[in-house]
Amino acid sequence: MIFDIQLEGLEVFAYHGVMQHEKDYGQNFLIDCRLSVDAGSEDHIDHTVSYALVADAISEVATKNRFDLIETLASQLVKTVLDLDSRILRCTITVHKPHAPLSQSFKDVSVRFSGARGED
């Protein structure tokens, strides 16, 4: 059975960005993760993918690395999540940068990247 699992708004404080003040002072990022998972029908955690483990892996990659581009962060997160468990068939990551250094008033800046098992 194929299930969609969605994690929205995982908040991490990290140091991604091109501007020097982003590298020095960091900022909050919000990360959404959508998974297509080949899971069993039994009511037991061993028959699915733990979204807690997915959240831990995303947080670790986002906080322990520094990227100039959130595009690179999103790509690395997709690769990391797909490598977690062979039952994860597809992963879509959206990285939101609500405090991007723009002079205009805006609600959000985000990047979305998807990958699937077997794709390079």
C-alpha atoms as a PDB file:
ATOM      1  CA  MET A   1       0.000   0.000   0.000  1.00  0.00           C
ATOM      2  CA  ILE A   2       1.280   3.463  -0.868  1.00  0.00           C
ATOM      3  CA  PHE A   3       0.739   6.204   1.714  1.00  0.00           C
ATOM      4  CA  ASP A   4       1.550   9.895   1.636  1.00  0.00           C
ATOM      5  CA  ILE A   5       3.115  11.186   4.837  1.00  0.00           C
ATOM      6  CA  GLN A   6       3.434  14.920   5.240  1.00  0.00           C
ATOM      7  CA  LEU A   7       5.451  16.899   7.776  1.00  0.00           C
ATOM      8  CA  GLU A   8       4.822  20.642   7.610  1.00  0.00           C
ATOM      9  CA  GLY A   9       6.620  23.568   9.170  1.00  0.00           C
ATOM     10  CA  LEU A  10       9.558  21.850  10.843  1.00  0.00           C
ATOM     11  CA  GLU A  11      11.432  24.825  12.288  1.00  0.00           C
ATOM     12  CA  VAL A  12      15.220  24.898  12.343  1.00  0.00           C
ATOM     13  CA  PHE A  13      17.678  27.654  13.111  1.00  0.00           C
ATOM     14  CA  ALA A  14      20.524  27.532  10.618  1.00  0.00           C
ATOM     15  CA  TYR A  15      23.148  29.508   8.693  1.00  0.00           C
ATOM     16  CA  HIS A  16      22.187  29.234   5.023  1.00  0.00           C
ATOM     17  CA  GLY A  17      22.432  32.144   2.627  1.00  0.00           C
ATOM     18  CA  VAL A  18      24.644  34.185   0.351  1.00  0.00           C
ATOM     19  CA  MET A  19      24.807  37.334   2.468  1.00  0.00           C
ATOM     20  CA  GLN A  20      27.530  37.491   5.122  1.00  0.00           C
ATOM     21  CA  HIS A  21      25.084  38.426   7.895  1.00  0.00           C
ATOM     22  CA  GLU A  22      23.100  35.233   7.122  1.00  0.00           C
ATOM     23  CA  LYS A  23      26.277  33.213   7.529  1.00  0.00           C
ATOM     24  CA  ASP A  24      27.218  35.029  10.751  1.00  0.00           C
ATOM     25  CA  TYR A  25      23.887  35.345  12.550  1.00  0.00           C
ATOM     26  CA  GLY A  26      21.658  32.661  11.047  1.00  0.00           C
ATOM     27  CA  GLN A  27      17.888  32.639  10.857  1.00  0.00           C
ATOM     28  CA  ASN A  28      14.840  30.409  11.171  1.00  0.00           C
ATOM     29  CA  PHE A  29      13.852  28.171   8.284  1.00  0.00           C
ATOM     30  CA  LEU A  30      10.678  26.146   7.925  1.00  0.00           C
ATOM     31  CA  ILE A  31      10.859  22.816   6.149  1.00  0.00           C
ATOM     32  CA  ASP A  32       8.014  20.749   4.719  1.00  0.00           C
ATOM     33  CA  CYS A  33       8.515  17.122   3.763  1.00  0.00           C
ATOM     34  CA  ARG A  34       6.121  14.981   1.761  1.00  0.00           C
ATOM     35  CA  LEU A  35       6.831  11.280   1.401  1.00  0.00           C
ATOM     36  CA  SER A  36       5.314   8.512  -0.669  1.00  0.00           C
ATOM     37  CA  VAL A  37       5.839   5.378   1.372  1.00  0.00           C
ATOM     38  CA  ASP A  38       5.290   1.718   0.537  1.00  0.00           C
ATOM     39  CA  ALA A  39       3.944   0.660   3.930  1.00  0.00           C
ATOM     40  CA  GLY A  40       2.220  -2.418   5.230  1.00  0.00           C
ATOM     41  CA  SER A  41      -1.350  -2.549   6.414  1.00  0.00           C
ATOM     42  CA  GLU A  42      -0.584  -3.788   9.930  1.00  0.00           C
ATOM     43  CA  ASP A  43      -0.930  -1.388  12.841  1.00  0.00           C
ATOM     44  CA  HIS A  44       2.714  -1.418  13.903  1.00  0.00           C
ATOM     45  CA  ILE A  45       5.558   1.092  13.484  1.00  0.00           C
ATOM     46  CA  ASP A  46       7.759  -1.569  11.874  1.00  0.00           C
ATOM     47  CA  HIS A  47       5.388  -1.563   8.885  1.00  0.00           C
ATOM     48  CA  THR A  48       5.885   2.085   7.982  1.00  0.00           C
ATOM     49  CA  VAL A  49       8.443   4.893   8.034  1.00  0.00           C
ATOM     50  CA  SER A  50       8.842   6.820  11.269  1.00  0.00           C
ATOM     51  CA  TYR A  51       8.215  10.508  10.623  1.00  0.00           C
ATOM     52  CA  ALA A  52      10.104  11.195  13.861  1.00  0.00           C
ATOM     53  CA  LEU A  53      13.251   9.700  12.306  1.00  0.00           C
ATOM     54  CA  VAL A  54      12.634  11.728   9.141  1.00  0.00           C
ATOM     55  CA  ALA A  55      12.298  14.923  11.203  1.00  0.00           C
ATOM     56  CA  ASP A  56      15.508  14.116  13.090  1.00  0.00           C
ATOM     57  CA  ALA A  57      17.440  13.550   9.846  1.00  0.00           C
ATOM     58  CA  ILE A  58      16.129  16.775   8.289  1.00  0.00           C
ATOM     59  CA  SER A  59      16.999  18.783  11.400  1.00  0.00           C
ATOM     60  CA  GLU A  60      20.492  17.331  11.542  1.00  0.00           C
ATOM     61  CA  VAL A  61      21.322  18.066   7.897  1.00  0.00           C
ATOM     62  CA  ALA A  62      19.842  21.570   8.048  1.00  0.00           C
ATOM     63  CA  THR A  63      21.623  22.575  11.258  1.00  0.00           C
ATOM     64  CA  LYS A  64      25.001  20.858  10.860  1.00  0.00           C
ATOM     65  CA  ASN A  65      25.709  22.104   7.332  1.00  0.00           C
ATOM     66  CA  ARG A  66      25.939  25.542   5.752  1.00  0.00           C
ATOM     67  CA  PHE A  67      24.835  26.196   2.189  1.00  0.00           C
ATOM     68  CA  ASP A  68      24.775  29.417   0.209  1.00  0.00           C
ATOM     69  CA  LEU A  69      21.612  28.320  -1.599  1.00  0.00           C
ATOM     70  CA  ILE A  70      18.430  26.897  -0.144  1.00  0.00           C
ATOM     71  CA  GLU A  71      18.205  24.988  -3.418  1.00  0.00           C
ATOM     72  CA  THR A  72      21.291  23.025  -2.357  1.00  0.00           C
ATOM     73  CA  LEU A  73      19.824  22.474   1.098  1.00  0.00           C
ATOM     74  CA  ALA A  74      16.573  21.128  -0.387  1.00  0.00           C
ATOM     75  CA  SER A  75      18.467  18.801  -2.726  1.00  0.00           C
ATOM     76  CA  GLN A  76      20.621  17.441   0.098  1.00  0.00           C
ATOM     77  CA  LEU A  77      17.549  16.907   2.278  1.00  0.00           C
ATOM     78  CA  VAL A  78      15.794  14.887  -0.438  1.00  0.00           C
ATOM     79  CA  LYS A  79      18.869  12.676  -0.857  1.00  0.00           C
ATOM     80  CA  THR A  80      19.166  12.180   2.907  1.00  0.00           C
ATOM     81  CA  VAL A  81      15.502  11.266   3.340  1.00  0.00           C
ATOM     82  CA  LEU A  82      15.500   8.828   0.409  1.00  0.00           C
ATOM     83  CA  ASP A  83      18.575   7.129   1.889  1.00  0.00           C
ATOM     84  CA  LEU A  84      16.839   6.632   5.272  1.00  0.00           C
ATOM     85  CA  ASP A  85      14.563   3.769   4.315  1.00  0.00           C
ATOM     86  CA  SER A  86      13.996   1.753   1.143  1.00  0.00           C
ATOM     87  CA  ARG A  87      10.223   2.049   1.636  1.00  0.00           C
ATOM     88  CA  ILE A  88      10.423   5.787   0.897  1.00  0.00           C
ATOM     89  CA  LEU A  89       9.607   5.892  -2.812  1.00  0.00           C
ATOM     90  CA  ARG A  90       9.437   9.643  -3.344  1.00  0.00           C
ATOM     91  CA  CYS A  91      10.313  12.719  -1.306  1.00  0.00           C
ATOM     92  CA  THR A  92       9.434  16.368  -1.834  1.00  0.00           C
ATOM     93  CA  ILE A  93      11.105  18.976   0.349  1.00  0.00           C
ATOM     94  CA  THR A  94      10.093  22.623   0.552  1.00  0.00           C
ATOM     95  CA  VAL A  95      12.475  24.985   2.328  1.00  0.00           C
ATOM     96  CA  HIS A  96      10.858  28.238   3.437  1.00  0.00           C
ATOM     97  CA  LYS A  97      13.019  31.249   4.177  1.00  0.00           C
ATOM     98  CA  PRO A  98      10.562  33.705   5.772  1.00  0.00           C
ATOM     99  CA  HIS A  99      13.304  36.157   6.744  1.00  0.00           C
ATOM    100  CA  ALA A 100      15.096  36.321   3.401  1.00  0.00           C
ATOM    101  CA  PRO A 101      17.055  39.554   2.939  1.00  0.00           C
ATOM    102  CA  LEU A 102      14.651  41.440   0.649  1.00  0.00           C
ATOM    103  CA  SER A 103      13.808  45.105   0.880  1.00  0.00           C
ATOM    104  CA  GLN A 104      10.222  44.458  -0.194  1.00  0.00           C
ATOM    105  CA  SER A 105       7.492  43.275   2.129  1.00  0.00           C
ATOM    106  CA  PHE A 106       6.760  39.591   1.538  1.00  0.00           C
ATOM    107  CA  LYS A 107       5.191  36.598   3.228  1.00  0.00           C
ATOM    108  CA  ASP A 108       7.619  33.842   2.266  1.00  0.00           C
ATOM    109  CA  VAL A 109      10.382  32.730  -0.068  1.00  0.00           C
ATOM    110  CA  SER A 110      10.581  29.014  -0.686  1.00  0.00           C
ATOM    111  CA  VAL A 111      12.209  26.369  -2.848  1.00  0.00           C
ATOM    112  CA  ARG A 112      10.695  22.956  -3.590  1.00  0.00           C
ATOM    113  CA  PHE A 113      12.669  19.935  -4.765  1.00  0.00           C
ATOM    114  CA  SER A 114      11.518  16.367  -5.420  1.00  0.00           C
ATOM    115  CA  GLY A 115      13.279  13.101  -5.973  1.00  0.00           C
ATOM    116  CA  ALA A 116      12.349   9.450  -6.269  1.00  0.00           C
ATOM    117  CA  ARG A 117      14.043   6.175  -5.519  1.00  0.00           C
ATOM    118  CA  GLY A 118      16.121   5.125  -8.510  1.00  0.00           C
ATOM    119  CA  GLU A 119      16.472   8.646  -9.937  1.00  0.00           C
ATOM    120  CA  ASP A 120      19.853  10.327 -10.015  1.00  0.00           C
END
